[in-house]
Amino acid sequence: NLVTADLTKACDWCGVRSGRDYDKFKEMKLTEYTSEFISAPAISE
């Protein structure tokens, strides 16, 4: 997922926090986007 200036804080936070401890989509108020290509969701923002 390419990162814009508005997503910079979320980008940094997701880089210094572990998914073992946090739900990163929830913590950063990001929206899951489900495509027809693969099972993993994209970031709508």
PDB file of all heavy atoms in Angstrom:
ATOM      1  N   ASN A   1       0.848  -1.191   0.000  1.00  0.00           N
ATOM      2  CA  ASN A   1       0.000   0.000   0.000  1.00  0.00           C
ATOM      3  C   ASN A   1       0.884   1.242   0.000  1.00  0.00           C
ATOM      4  O   ASN A   1       1.676   1.442   0.933  1.00  0.00           O
ATOM      5  CB  ASN A   1      -0.898   0.008   1.237  1.00  0.00           C
ATOM      6  CG  ASN A   1      -1.736  -1.260   1.353  1.00  0.00           C
ATOM      7  OD1 ASN A   1      -2.790  -1.370   0.761  1.00  0.00           O
ATOM      8  ND2 ASN A   1      -1.249  -2.225   2.137  1.00  0.00           N
ATOM      9  N   LEU A   2       0.772   2.067  -1.045  1.00  0.00           N
ATOM     10  CA  LEU A   2       1.587   3.280  -1.106  1.00  0.00           C
ATOM     11  C   LEU A   2       1.138   4.268  -0.039  1.00  0.00           C
ATOM     12  O   LEU A   2      -0.039   4.315   0.338  1.00  0.00           O
ATOM     13  CB  LEU A   2       1.497   3.911  -2.487  1.00  0.00           C
ATOM     14  CG  LEU A   2       1.958   3.035  -3.668  1.00  0.00           C
ATOM     15  CD1 LEU A   2       2.111   3.897  -4.933  1.00  0.00           C
ATOM     16  CD2 LEU A   2       3.256   2.297  -3.364  1.00  0.00           C
ATOM     17  N   VAL A   3       2.087   5.066   0.441  1.00  0.00           N
ATOM     18  CA  VAL A   3       1.846   5.945   1.590  1.00  0.00           C
ATOM     19  C   VAL A   3       1.863   7.413   1.175  1.00  0.00           C
ATOM     20  O   VAL A   3       2.807   7.888   0.537  1.00  0.00           O
ATOM     21  CB  VAL A   3       2.910   5.698   2.689  1.00  0.00           C
ATOM     22  CG1 VAL A   3       2.723   6.657   3.852  1.00  0.00           C
ATOM     23  CG2 VAL A   3       2.824   4.254   3.177  1.00  0.00           C
ATOM     24  N   THR A   4       0.822   8.137   1.566  1.00  0.00           N
ATOM     25  CA  THR A   4       0.724   9.576   1.317  1.00  0.00           C
ATOM     26  C   THR A   4       1.193  10.339   2.546  1.00  0.00           C
ATOM     27  O   THR A   4       1.421   9.758   3.617  1.00  0.00           O
ATOM     28  CB  THR A   4      -0.725   9.971   1.010  1.00  0.00           C
ATOM     29  OG1 THR A   4      -1.521   9.716   2.185  1.00  0.00           O
ATOM     30  CG2 THR A   4      -1.286   9.169  -0.161  1.00  0.00           C
ATOM     31  N   ALA A   5       1.285  11.656   2.394  1.00  0.00           N
ATOM     32  CA  ALA A   5       1.669  12.500   3.532  1.00  0.00           C
ATOM     33  C   ALA A   5       0.690  12.325   4.688  1.00  0.00           C
ATOM     34  O   ALA A   5       1.090  12.310   5.863  1.00  0.00           O
ATOM     35  CB  ALA A   5       1.728  13.960   3.092  1.00  0.00           C
ATOM     36  N   ASP A   6      -0.597  12.179   4.387  1.00  0.00           N
ATOM     37  CA  ASP A   6      -1.609  12.020   5.428  1.00  0.00           C
ATOM     38  C   ASP A   6      -1.477  10.692   6.174  1.00  0.00           C
ATOM     39  O   ASP A   6      -1.968  10.559   7.296  1.00  0.00           O
ATOM     40  CB  ASP A   6      -3.018  12.112   4.826  1.00  0.00           C
ATOM     41  CG  ASP A   6      -3.353  13.519   4.356  1.00  0.00           C
ATOM     42  OD1 ASP A   6      -2.707  14.479   4.833  1.00  0.00           O
ATOM     43  OD2 ASP A   6      -4.262  13.663   3.519  1.00  0.00           O
ATOM     44  N   LEU A   7      -0.836   9.720   5.554  1.00  0.00           N
ATOM     45  CA  LEU A   7      -0.684   8.402   6.170  1.00  0.00           C
ATOM     46  C   LEU A   7       0.669   8.218   6.862  1.00  0.00           C
ATOM     47  O   LEU A   7       0.955   7.130   7.381  1.00  0.00           O
ATOM     48  CB  LEU A   7      -0.853   7.304   5.119  1.00  0.00           C
ATOM     49  CG  LEU A   7      -2.270   7.058   4.584  1.00  0.00           C
ATOM     50  CD1 LEU A   7      -2.223   6.098   3.401  1.00  0.00           C
ATOM     51  CD2 LEU A   7      -3.175   6.510   5.687  1.00  0.00           C
ATOM     52  N   THR A   8       1.481   9.256   6.877  1.00  0.00           N
ATOM     53  CA  THR A   8       2.843   9.131   7.409  1.00  0.00           C
ATOM     54  C   THR A   8       2.868   8.687   8.868  1.00  0.00           C
ATOM     55  O   THR A   8       3.662   7.819   9.260  1.00  0.00           O
ATOM     56  CB  THR A   8       3.614  10.459   7.269  1.00  0.00           C
ATOM     57  OG1 THR A   8       3.557  10.896   5.917  1.00  0.00           O
ATOM     58  CG2 THR A   8       5.068  10.282   7.673  1.00  0.00           C
ATOM     59  N   LYS A   9       2.004   9.255   9.696  1.00  0.00           N
ATOM     60  CA  LYS A   9       1.984   8.881  11.110  1.00  0.00           C
ATOM     61  C   LYS A   9       1.627   7.404  11.269  1.00  0.00           C
ATOM     62  O   LYS A   9       2.258   6.677  12.044  1.00  0.00           O
ATOM     63  CB  LYS A   9       1.002   9.753  11.888  1.00  0.00           C
ATOM     64  CG  LYS A   9       0.987   9.440  13.384  1.00  0.00           C
ATOM     65  CD  LYS A   9       0.044  10.360  14.155  1.00  0.00           C
ATOM     66  CE  LYS A   9       0.046  10.012  15.643  1.00  0.00           C
ATOM     67  NZ  LYS A   9      -0.869  10.909  16.413  1.00  0.00           N
ATOM     68  N   ALA A  10       0.620   6.956  10.533  1.00  0.00           N
ATOM     69  CA  ALA A  10       0.208   5.555  10.597  1.00  0.00           C
ATOM     70  C   ALA A  10       1.328   4.651  10.100  1.00  0.00           C
ATOM     71  O   ALA A  10       1.579   3.581  10.663  1.00  0.00           O
ATOM     72  CB  ALA A  10      -1.059   5.341   9.769  1.00  0.00           C
ATOM     73  N   CYS A  11       2.002   5.093   9.062  1.00  0.00           N
ATOM     74  CA  CYS A  11       3.114   4.333   8.504  1.00  0.00           C
ATOM     75  C   CYS A  11       4.218   4.159   9.550  1.00  0.00           C
ATOM     76  O   CYS A  11       4.725   3.051   9.749  1.00  0.00           O
ATOM     77  CB  CYS A  11       3.648   5.048   7.263  1.00  0.00           C
ATOM     78  SG  CYS A  11       5.108   4.292   6.523  1.00  0.00           S
ATOM     79  N   ASP A  12       4.564   5.219  10.225  1.00  0.00           N
ATOM     80  CA  ASP A  12       5.614   5.151  11.240  1.00  0.00           C
ATOM     81  C   ASP A  12       5.179   4.291  12.420  1.00  0.00           C
ATOM     82  O   ASP A  12       5.940   3.451  12.905  1.00  0.00           O
ATOM     83  CB  ASP A  12       5.973   6.563  11.706  1.00  0.00           C
ATOM     84  CG  ASP A  12       7.130   6.560  12.696  1.00  0.00           C
ATOM     85  OD1 ASP A  12       8.261   6.257  12.276  1.00  0.00           O
ATOM     86  OD2 ASP A  12       6.893   6.843  13.889  1.00  0.00           O
ATOM     87  N   TRP A  13       3.940   4.496  12.875  1.00  0.00           N
ATOM     88  CA  TRP A  13       3.429   3.752  14.039  1.00  0.00           C
ATOM     89  C   TRP A  13       3.418   2.256  13.758  1.00  0.00           C
ATOM     90  O   TRP A  13       3.801   1.448  14.614  1.00  0.00           O
ATOM     91  CB  TRP A  13       2.020   4.240  14.378  1.00  0.00           C
ATOM     92  CG  TRP A  13       1.527   3.778  15.716  1.00  0.00           C
ATOM     93  CD1 TRP A  13       1.663   4.415  16.919  1.00  0.00           C
ATOM     94  CD2 TRP A  13       0.809   2.560  15.989  1.00  0.00           C
ATOM     95  NE1 TRP A  13       1.079   3.678  17.921  1.00  0.00           N
ATOM     96  CE2 TRP A  13       0.546   2.535  17.374  1.00  0.00           C
ATOM     97  CE3 TRP A  13       0.368   1.510  15.199  1.00  0.00           C
ATOM     98  CZ2 TRP A  13      -0.146   1.487  17.982  1.00  0.00           C
ATOM     99  CZ3 TRP A  13      -0.310   0.457  15.801  1.00  0.00           C
ATOM    100  CH2 TRP A  13      -0.559   0.455  17.177  1.00  0.00           C
ATOM    101  N   CYS A  14       2.995   1.885  12.560  1.00  0.00           N
ATOM    102  CA  CYS A  14       2.948   0.460  12.203  1.00  0.00           C
ATOM    103  C   CYS A  14       4.354  -0.136  12.082  1.00  0.00           C
ATOM    104  O   CYS A  14       4.516  -1.358  12.120  1.00  0.00           O
ATOM    105  CB  CYS A  14       2.188   0.270  10.886  1.00  0.00           C
ATOM    106  SG  CYS A  14       0.408   0.541  11.040  1.00  0.00           S
ATOM    107  N   GLY A  15       5.349   0.735  11.958  1.00  0.00           N
ATOM    108  CA  GLY A  15       6.722   0.261  11.867  1.00  0.00           C
ATOM    109  C   GLY A  15       7.402   0.074  13.206  1.00  0.00           C
ATOM    110  O   GLY A  15       8.396  -0.634  13.306  1.00  0.00           O
ATOM    111  N   VAL A  16       6.849   0.693  14.255  1.00  0.00           N
ATOM    112  CA  VAL A  16       7.485   0.593  15.581  1.00  0.00           C
ATOM    113  C   VAL A  16       6.636  -0.175  16.589  1.00  0.00           C
ATOM    114  O   VAL A  16       7.041  -0.353  17.734  1.00  0.00           O
ATOM    115  CB  VAL A  16       7.813   1.995  16.142  1.00  0.00           C
ATOM    116  CG1 VAL A  16       8.827   2.695  15.254  1.00  0.00           C
ATOM    117  CG2 VAL A  16       6.549   2.849  16.279  1.00  0.00           C
ATOM    118  N   ARG A  17       5.464  -0.631  16.181  1.00  0.00           N
ATOM    119  CA  ARG A  17       4.600  -1.452  17.026  1.00  0.00           C
ATOM    120  C   ARG A  17       4.410  -2.817  16.383  1.00  0.00           C
ATOM    121  O   ARG A  17       4.370  -2.939  15.166  1.00  0.00           O
ATOM    122  CB  ARG A  17       3.228  -0.781  17.227  1.00  0.00           C
ATOM    123  CG  ARG A  17       3.298   0.500  18.061  1.00  0.00           C
ATOM    124  CD  ARG A  17       3.566   0.168  19.517  1.00  0.00           C
ATOM    125  NE  ARG A  17       3.544   1.346  20.372  1.00  0.00           N
ATOM    126  CZ  ARG A  17       4.626   2.009  20.765  1.00  0.00           C
ATOM    127  NH1 ARG A  17       5.830   1.603  20.365  1.00  0.00           N
ATOM    128  NH2 ARG A  17       4.514   3.052  21.548  1.00  0.00           N
ATOM    129  N   SER A  18       4.289  -3.847  17.194  1.00  0.00           N
ATOM    130  CA  SER A  18       4.164  -5.209  16.690  1.00  0.00           C
ATOM    131  C   SER A  18       2.713  -5.650  16.599  1.00  0.00           C
ATOM    132  O   SER A  18       1.898  -5.359  17.496  1.00  0.00           O
ATOM    133  CB  SER A  18       4.926  -6.184  17.598  1.00  0.00           C
ATOM    134  OG  SER A  18       4.697  -7.518  17.192  1.00  0.00           O
ATOM    135  N   GLY A  19       2.414  -6.372  15.528  1.00  0.00           N
ATOM    136  CA  GLY A  19       1.079  -6.930  15.364  1.00  0.00           C
ATOM    137  C   GLY A  19       0.766  -8.019  16.376  1.00  0.00           C
ATOM    138  O   GLY A  19      -0.388  -8.434  16.505  1.00  0.00           O
ATOM    139  N   ARG A  20       1.779  -8.489  17.093  1.00  0.00           N
ATOM    140  CA  ARG A  20       1.531  -9.450  18.170  1.00  0.00           C
ATOM    141  C   ARG A  20       0.729  -8.796  19.303  1.00  0.00           C
ATOM    142  O   ARG A  20      -0.012  -9.460  20.025  1.00  0.00           O
ATOM    143  CB  ARG A  20       2.850  -9.980  18.740  1.00  0.00           C
ATOM    144  CG  ARG A  20       3.678 -10.802  17.768  1.00  0.00           C
ATOM    145  CD  ARG A  20       4.923 -11.355  18.462  1.00  0.00           C
ATOM    146  NE  ARG A  20       5.756 -12.124  17.552  1.00  0.00           N
ATOM    147  CZ  ARG A  20       6.750 -11.616  16.837  1.00  0.00           C
ATOM    148  NH1 ARG A  20       7.041 -10.309  16.964  1.00  0.00           N
ATOM    149  NH2 ARG A  20       7.456 -12.364  16.021  1.00  0.00           N
ATOM    150  N   ASP A  21       0.925  -7.487  19.451  1.00  0.00           N
ATOM    151  CA  ASP A  21       0.331  -6.768  20.578  1.00  0.00           C
ATOM    152  C   ASP A  21      -0.814  -5.836  20.196  1.00  0.00           C
ATOM    153  O   ASP A  21      -1.589  -5.438  21.063  1.00  0.00           O
ATOM    154  CB  ASP A  21       1.419  -5.934  21.280  1.00  0.00           C
ATOM    155  CG  ASP A  21       2.638  -6.765  21.646  1.00  0.00           C
ATOM    156  OD1 ASP A  21       2.454  -7.882  22.169  1.00  0.00           O
ATOM    157  OD2 ASP A  21       3.767  -6.298  21.402  1.00  0.00           O
ATOM    158  N   TYR A  22      -0.897  -5.461  18.937  1.00  0.00           N
ATOM    159  CA  TYR A  22      -1.879  -4.460  18.533  1.00  0.00           C
ATOM    160  C   TYR A  22      -2.633  -4.877  17.275  1.00  0.00           C
ATOM    161  O   TYR A  22      -2.079  -5.540  16.391  1.00  0.00           O
ATOM    162  CB  TYR A  22      -1.194  -3.116  18.240  1.00  0.00           C
ATOM    163  CG  TYR A  22      -0.533  -2.463  19.435  1.00  0.00           C
ATOM    164  CD1 TYR A  22       0.826  -2.689  19.692  1.00  0.00           C
ATOM    165  CD2 TYR A  22      -1.245  -1.629  20.283  1.00  0.00           C
ATOM    166  CE1 TYR A  22       1.448  -2.082  20.779  1.00  0.00           C
ATOM    167  CE2 TYR A  22      -0.631  -1.017  21.367  1.00  0.00           C
ATOM    168  CZ  TYR A  22       0.715  -1.249  21.612  1.00  0.00           C
ATOM    169  OH  TYR A  22       1.331  -0.653  22.680  1.00  0.00           O
ATOM    170  N   ASP A  23      -3.886  -4.444  17.216  1.00  0.00           N
ATOM    171  CA  ASP A  23      -4.664  -4.516  15.980  1.00  0.00           C
ATOM    172  C   ASP A  23      -4.387  -3.198  15.255  1.00  0.00           C
ATOM    173  O   ASP A  23      -4.965  -2.158  15.579  1.00  0.00           O
ATOM    174  CB  ASP A  23      -6.156  -4.653  16.306  1.00  0.00           C
ATOM    175  CG  ASP A  23      -7.020  -4.745  15.057  1.00  0.00           C
ATOM    176  OD1 ASP A  23      -6.579  -4.295  13.982  1.00  0.00           O
ATOM    177  OD2 ASP A  23      -8.154  -5.259  15.167  1.00  0.00           O
ATOM    178  N   LYS A  24      -3.511  -3.227  14.286  1.00  0.00           N
ATOM    179  CA  LYS A  24      -3.021  -1.986  13.684  1.00  0.00           C
ATOM    180  C   LYS A  24      -4.082  -1.258  12.862  1.00  0.00           C
ATOM    181  O   LYS A  24      -4.109  -0.021  12.835  1.00  0.00           O
ATOM    182  CB  LYS A  24      -1.774  -2.270  12.849  1.00  0.00           C
ATOM    183  CG  LYS A  24      -0.592  -2.757  13.686  1.00  0.00           C
ATOM    184  CD  LYS A  24       0.664  -2.913  12.856  1.00  0.00           C
ATOM    185  CE  LYS A  24       1.826  -3.403  13.695  1.00  0.00           C
ATOM    186  NZ  LYS A  24       3.082  -3.522  12.918  1.00  0.00           N
ATOM    187  N   PHE A  25      -4.946  -1.994  12.206  1.00  0.00           N
ATOM    188  CA  PHE A  25      -6.035  -1.340  11.479  1.00  0.00           C
ATOM    189  C   PHE A  25      -6.911  -0.554  12.452  1.00  0.00           C
ATOM    190  O   PHE A  25      -7.277   0.598  12.193  1.00  0.00           O
ATOM    191  CB  PHE A  25      -6.884  -2.377  10.733  1.00  0.00           C
ATOM    192  CG  PHE A  25      -6.388  -2.713   9.346  1.00  0.00           C
ATOM    193  CD1 PHE A  25      -5.530  -3.775   9.151  1.00  0.00           C
ATOM    194  CD2 PHE A  25      -6.786  -1.952   8.256  1.00  0.00           C
ATOM    195  CE1 PHE A  25      -5.071  -4.094   7.882  1.00  0.00           C
ATOM    196  CE2 PHE A  25      -6.331  -2.254   6.978  1.00  0.00           C
ATOM    197  CZ  PHE A  25      -5.477  -3.327   6.785  1.00  0.00           C
ATOM    198  N   LYS A  26      -7.224  -1.177  13.581  1.00  0.00           N
ATOM    199  CA  LYS A  26      -8.091  -0.535  14.580  1.00  0.00           C
ATOM    200  C   LYS A  26      -7.390   0.647  15.236  1.00  0.00           C
ATOM    201  O   LYS A  26      -7.975   1.736  15.367  1.00  0.00           O
ATOM    202  CB  LYS A  26      -8.499  -1.555  15.633  1.00  0.00           C
ATOM    203  CG  LYS A  26      -9.421  -1.013  16.704  1.00  0.00           C
ATOM    204  CD  LYS A  26      -9.783  -2.097  17.702  1.00  0.00           C
ATOM    205  CE  LYS A  26     -10.683  -1.548  18.810  1.00  0.00           C
ATOM    206  NZ  LYS A  26     -11.031  -2.618  19.807  1.00  0.00           N
ATOM    207  N   GLU A  27      -6.150   0.456  15.652  1.00  0.00           N
ATOM    208  CA  GLU A  27      -5.423   1.512  16.363  1.00  0.00           C
ATOM    209  C   GLU A  27      -5.213   2.751  15.503  1.00  0.00           C
ATOM    210  O   GLU A  27      -5.288   3.874  15.995  1.00  0.00           O
ATOM    211  CB  GLU A  27      -4.068   0.973  16.833  1.00  0.00           C
ATOM    212  CG  GLU A  27      -4.135  -0.110  17.901  1.00  0.00           C
ATOM    213  CD  GLU A  27      -4.600   0.418  19.246  1.00  0.00           C
ATOM    214  OE1 GLU A  27      -4.480   1.631  19.496  1.00  0.00           O
ATOM    215  OE2 GLU A  27      -5.087  -0.395  20.055  1.00  0.00           O
ATOM    216  N   MET A  28      -4.954   2.563  14.222  1.00  0.00           N
ATOM    217  CA  MET A  28      -4.695   3.681  13.321  1.00  0.00           C
ATOM    218  C   MET A  28      -5.934   4.126  12.546  1.00  0.00           C
ATOM    219  O   MET A  28      -5.861   4.967  11.660  1.00  0.00           O
ATOM    220  CB  MET A  28      -3.575   3.321  12.342  1.00  0.00           C
ATOM    221  CG  MET A  28      -2.195   3.234  12.982  1.00  0.00           C
ATOM    222  SD  MET A  28      -1.571   4.870  13.530  1.00  0.00           S
ATOM    223  CE  MET A  28      -1.972   4.807  15.294  1.00  0.00           C
ATOM    224  N   LYS A  29      -7.082   3.533  12.900  1.00  0.00           N
ATOM    225  CA  LYS A  29      -8.365   3.881  12.268  1.00  0.00           C
ATOM    226  C   LYS A  29      -8.292   3.759  10.734  1.00  0.00           C
ATOM    227  O   LYS A  29      -8.757   4.627   9.995  1.00  0.00           O
ATOM    228  CB  LYS A  29      -8.800   5.285  12.677  1.00  0.00           C
ATOM    229  CG  LYS A  29      -9.077   5.431  14.167  1.00  0.00           C
ATOM    230  CD  LYS A  29      -9.511   6.841  14.528  1.00  0.00           C
ATOM    231  CE  LYS A  29      -9.950   6.955  15.973  1.00  0.00           C
ATOM    232  NZ  LYS A  29      -8.920   6.544  16.939  1.00  0.00           N
ATOM    233  N   LEU A  30      -7.701   2.663  10.308  1.00  0.00           N
ATOM    234  CA  LEU A  30      -7.595   2.372   8.882  1.00  0.00           C
ATOM    235  C   LEU A  30      -8.695   1.389   8.484  1.00  0.00           C
ATOM    236  O   LEU A  30      -9.186   0.616   9.298  1.00  0.00           O
ATOM    237  CB  LEU A  30      -6.218   1.786   8.554  1.00  0.00           C
ATOM    238  CG  LEU A  30      -5.025   2.706   8.832  1.00  0.00           C
ATOM    239  CD1 LEU A  30      -3.714   1.956   8.653  1.00  0.00           C
ATOM    240  CD2 LEU A  30      -5.065   3.932   7.927  1.00  0.00           C
ATOM    241  N   THR A  31      -9.059   1.447   7.218  1.00  0.00           N
ATOM    242  CA  THR A  31     -10.173   0.642   6.723  1.00  0.00           C
ATOM    243  C   THR A  31      -9.674  -0.504   5.859  1.00  0.00           C
ATOM    244  O   THR A  31      -8.872  -0.296   4.945  1.00  0.00           O
ATOM    245  CB  THR A  31     -11.138   1.520   5.895  1.00  0.00           C
ATOM    246  OG1 THR A  31     -11.460   2.702   6.632  1.00  0.00           O
ATOM    247  CG2 THR A  31     -12.405   0.751   5.557  1.00  0.00           C
ATOM    248  N   GLU A  32     -10.141  -1.694   6.143  1.00  0.00           N
ATOM    249  CA  GLU A  32      -9.782  -2.857   5.327  1.00  0.00           C
ATOM    250  C   GLU A  32     -10.539  -2.809   3.994  1.00  0.00           C
ATOM    251  O   GLU A  32     -11.726  -2.486   3.965  1.00  0.00           O
ATOM    252  CB  GLU A  32     -10.141  -4.158   6.054  1.00  0.00           C
ATOM    253  CG  GLU A  32      -9.382  -4.393   7.339  1.00  0.00           C
ATOM    254  CD  GLU A  32      -9.856  -5.653   8.047  1.00  0.00           C
ATOM    255  OE1 GLU A  32     -10.165  -6.639   7.339  1.00  0.00           O
ATOM    256  OE2 GLU A  32      -9.937  -5.644   9.282  1.00  0.00           O
ATOM    257  N   TYR A  33      -9.828  -3.126   2.931  1.00  0.00           N
ATOM    258  CA  TYR A  33     -10.458  -3.209   1.616  1.00  0.00           C
ATOM    259  C   TYR A  33     -10.235  -4.613   1.067  1.00  0.00           C
ATOM    260  O   TYR A  33      -9.099  -5.065   0.919  1.00  0.00           O
ATOM    261  CB  TYR A  33      -9.872  -2.173   0.648  1.00  0.00           C
ATOM    262  CG  TYR A  33     -10.475  -2.259  -0.737  1.00  0.00           C
ATOM    263  CD1 TYR A  33     -11.685  -1.637  -1.017  1.00  0.00           C
ATOM    264  CD2 TYR A  33      -9.844  -2.999  -1.748  1.00  0.00           C
ATOM    265  CE1 TYR A  33     -12.254  -1.722  -2.278  1.00  0.00           C
ATOM    266  CE2 TYR A  33     -10.423  -3.095  -3.008  1.00  0.00           C
ATOM    267  CZ  TYR A  33     -11.614  -2.454  -3.271  1.00  0.00           C
ATOM    268  OH  TYR A  33     -12.190  -2.556  -4.519  1.00  0.00           O
ATOM    269  N   THR A  34     -11.330  -5.315   0.785  1.00  0.00           N
ATOM    270  CA  THR A  34     -11.246  -6.674   0.273  1.00  0.00           C
ATOM    271  C   THR A  34     -11.371  -6.658  -1.244  1.00  0.00           C
ATOM    272  O   THR A  34     -12.340  -6.117  -1.802  1.00  0.00           O
ATOM    273  CB  THR A  34     -12.366  -7.547   0.865  1.00  0.00           C
ATOM    274  OG1 THR A  34     -12.283  -7.518   2.293  1.00  0.00           O
ATOM    275  CG2 THR A  34     -12.237  -8.981   0.380  1.00  0.00           C
ATOM    276  N   SER A  35     -10.401  -7.245  -1.914  1.00  0.00           N
ATOM    277  CA  SER A  35     -10.401  -7.282  -3.373  1.00  0.00           C
ATOM    278  C   SER A  35     -10.691  -8.696  -3.865  1.00  0.00           C
ATOM    279  O   SER A  35     -10.786  -9.641  -3.071  1.00  0.00           O
ATOM    280  CB  SER A  35      -9.040  -6.833  -3.920  1.00  0.00           C
ATOM    281  OG  SER A  35      -8.085  -7.869  -3.730  1.00  0.00           O
ATOM    282  N   GLU A  36     -10.771  -8.841  -5.171  1.00  0.00           N
ATOM    283  CA  GLU A  36     -10.965 -10.161  -5.765  1.00  0.00           C
ATOM    284  C   GLU A  36      -9.649 -10.883  -6.033  1.00  0.00           C
ATOM    285  O   GLU A  36      -9.641 -12.032  -6.483  1.00  0.00           O
ATOM    286  CB  GLU A  36     -11.734 -10.032  -7.094  1.00  0.00           C
ATOM    287  CG  GLU A  36     -10.976  -9.371  -8.227  1.00  0.00           C
ATOM    288  CD  GLU A  36     -11.149  -7.865  -8.306  1.00  0.00           C
ATOM    289  OE1 GLU A  36     -11.306  -7.224  -7.237  1.00  0.00           O
ATOM    290  OE2 GLU A  36     -11.114  -7.328  -9.432  1.00  0.00           O
ATOM    291  N   PHE A  37      -8.519 -10.205  -5.746  1.00  0.00           N
ATOM    292  CA  PHE A  37      -7.224 -10.748  -6.145  1.00  0.00           C
ATOM    293  C   PHE A  37      -6.631 -11.752  -5.162  1.00  0.00           C
ATOM    294  O   PHE A  37      -6.178 -12.822  -5.549  1.00  0.00           O
ATOM    295  CB  PHE A  37      -6.237  -9.608  -6.383  1.00  0.00           C
ATOM    296  CG  PHE A  37      -6.691  -8.640  -7.431  1.00  0.00           C
ATOM    297  CD1 PHE A  37      -6.984  -7.321  -7.105  1.00  0.00           C
ATOM    298  CD2 PHE A  37      -6.834  -9.044  -8.754  1.00  0.00           C
ATOM    299  CE1 PHE A  37      -7.409  -6.421  -8.073  1.00  0.00           C
ATOM    300  CE2 PHE A  37      -7.260  -8.154  -9.725  1.00  0.00           C
ATOM    301  CZ  PHE A  37      -7.552  -6.832  -9.387  1.00  0.00           C
ATOM    302  N   ILE A  38      -6.610 -11.388  -3.869  1.00  0.00           N
ATOM    303  CA  ILE A  38      -6.047 -12.279  -2.843  1.00  0.00           C
ATOM    304  C   ILE A  38      -6.880 -12.142  -1.576  1.00  0.00           C
ATOM    305  O   ILE A  38      -7.775 -11.298  -1.490  1.00  0.00           O
ATOM    306  CB  ILE A  38      -4.564 -11.952  -2.537  1.00  0.00           C
ATOM    307  CG1 ILE A  38      -4.409 -10.528  -2.012  1.00  0.00           C
ATOM    308  CG2 ILE A  38      -3.686 -12.189  -3.762  1.00  0.00           C
ATOM    309  CD1 ILE A  38      -2.981 -10.185  -1.580  1.00  0.00           C
ATOM    310  N   SER A  39      -6.577 -12.975  -0.587  1.00  0.00           N
ATOM    311  CA  SER A  39      -7.352 -12.959   0.659  1.00  0.00           C
ATOM    312  C   SER A  39      -6.974 -11.809   1.584  1.00  0.00           C
ATOM    313  O   SER A  39      -7.823 -11.283   2.307  1.00  0.00           O
ATOM    314  CB  SER A  39      -7.153 -14.290   1.404  1.00  0.00           C
ATOM    315  OG  SER A  39      -7.624 -15.372   0.628  1.00  0.00           O
ATOM    316  N   ALA A  40      -5.698 -11.416   1.577  1.00  0.00           N
ATOM    317  CA  ALA A  40      -5.257 -10.328   2.457  1.00  0.00           C
ATOM    318  C   ALA A  40      -5.915  -9.011   2.038  1.00  0.00           C
ATOM    319  O   ALA A  40      -5.996  -8.705   0.848  1.00  0.00           O
ATOM    320  CB  ALA A  40      -3.744 -10.197   2.405  1.00  0.00           C
ATOM    321  N   PRO A  41      -6.384  -8.226   3.015  1.00  0.00           N
ATOM    322  CA  PRO A  41      -7.017  -6.953   2.681  1.00  0.00           C
ATOM    323  C   PRO A  41      -5.993  -5.857   2.409  1.00  0.00           C
ATOM    324  O   PRO A  41      -4.862  -5.902   2.895  1.00  0.00           O
ATOM    325  CB  PRO A  41      -7.816  -6.630   3.944  1.00  0.00           C
ATOM    326  CG  PRO A  41      -6.991  -7.216   5.043  1.00  0.00           C
ATOM    327  CD  PRO A  41      -6.406  -8.486   4.467  1.00  0.00           C
ATOM    328  N   ALA A  42      -6.424  -4.888   1.631  1.00  0.00           N
ATOM    329  CA  ALA A  42      -5.618  -3.697   1.382  1.00  0.00           C
ATOM    330  C   ALA A  42      -6.033  -2.608   2.367  1.00  0.00           C
ATOM    331  O   ALA A  42      -6.953  -2.793   3.171  1.00  0.00           O
ATOM    332  CB  ALA A  42      -5.810  -3.228  -0.053  1.00  0.00           C
ATOM    333  N   ILE A  43      -5.348  -1.471   2.303  1.00  0.00           N
ATOM    334  CA  ILE A  43      -5.693  -0.304   3.124  1.00  0.00           C
ATOM    335  C   ILE A  43      -6.454   0.674   2.238  1.00  0.00           C
ATOM    336  O   ILE A  43      -5.909   1.210   1.272  1.00  0.00           O
ATOM    337  CB  ILE A  43      -4.430   0.365   3.697  1.00  0.00           C
ATOM    338  CG1 ILE A  43      -3.667  -0.633   4.584  1.00  0.00           C
ATOM    339  CG2 ILE A  43      -4.793   1.621   4.490  1.00  0.00           C
ATOM    340  CD1 ILE A  43      -2.305  -0.124   5.047  1.00  0.00           C
ATOM    341  N   SER A  44      -7.725   0.900   2.551  1.00  0.00           N
ATOM    342  CA  SER A  44      -8.567   1.754   1.715  1.00  0.00           C
ATOM    343  C   SER A  44      -8.021   3.164   1.579  1.00  0.00           C
ATOM    344  O   SER A  44      -8.149   3.797   0.524  1.00  0.00           O
ATOM    345  CB  SER A  44      -9.995   1.821   2.281  1.00  0.00           C
ATOM    346  OG  SER A  44     -10.676   0.617   2.072  1.00  0.00           O
ATOM    347  N   GLU A  45      -7.418   3.678   2.640  1.00  0.00           N
ATOM    348  CA  GLU A  45      -6.935   5.063   2.625  1.00  0.00           C
ATOM    349  C   GLU A  45      -5.708   5.245   1.734  1.00  0.00           C
ATOM    350  O   GLU A  45      -5.330   6.387   1.439  1.00  0.00           O
ATOM    351  CB  GLU A  45      -6.607   5.500   4.052  1.00  0.00           C
ATOM    352  CG  GLU A  45      -7.819   5.700   4.957  1.00  0.00           C
ATOM    353  CD  GLU A  45      -8.434   4.394   5.472  1.00  0.00           C
ATOM    354  OE1 GLU A  45      -7.844   3.320   5.253  1.00  0.00           O
ATOM    355  OE2 GLU A  45      -9.509   4.466   6.094  1.00  0.00           O
TER     356      GLU A  45
END
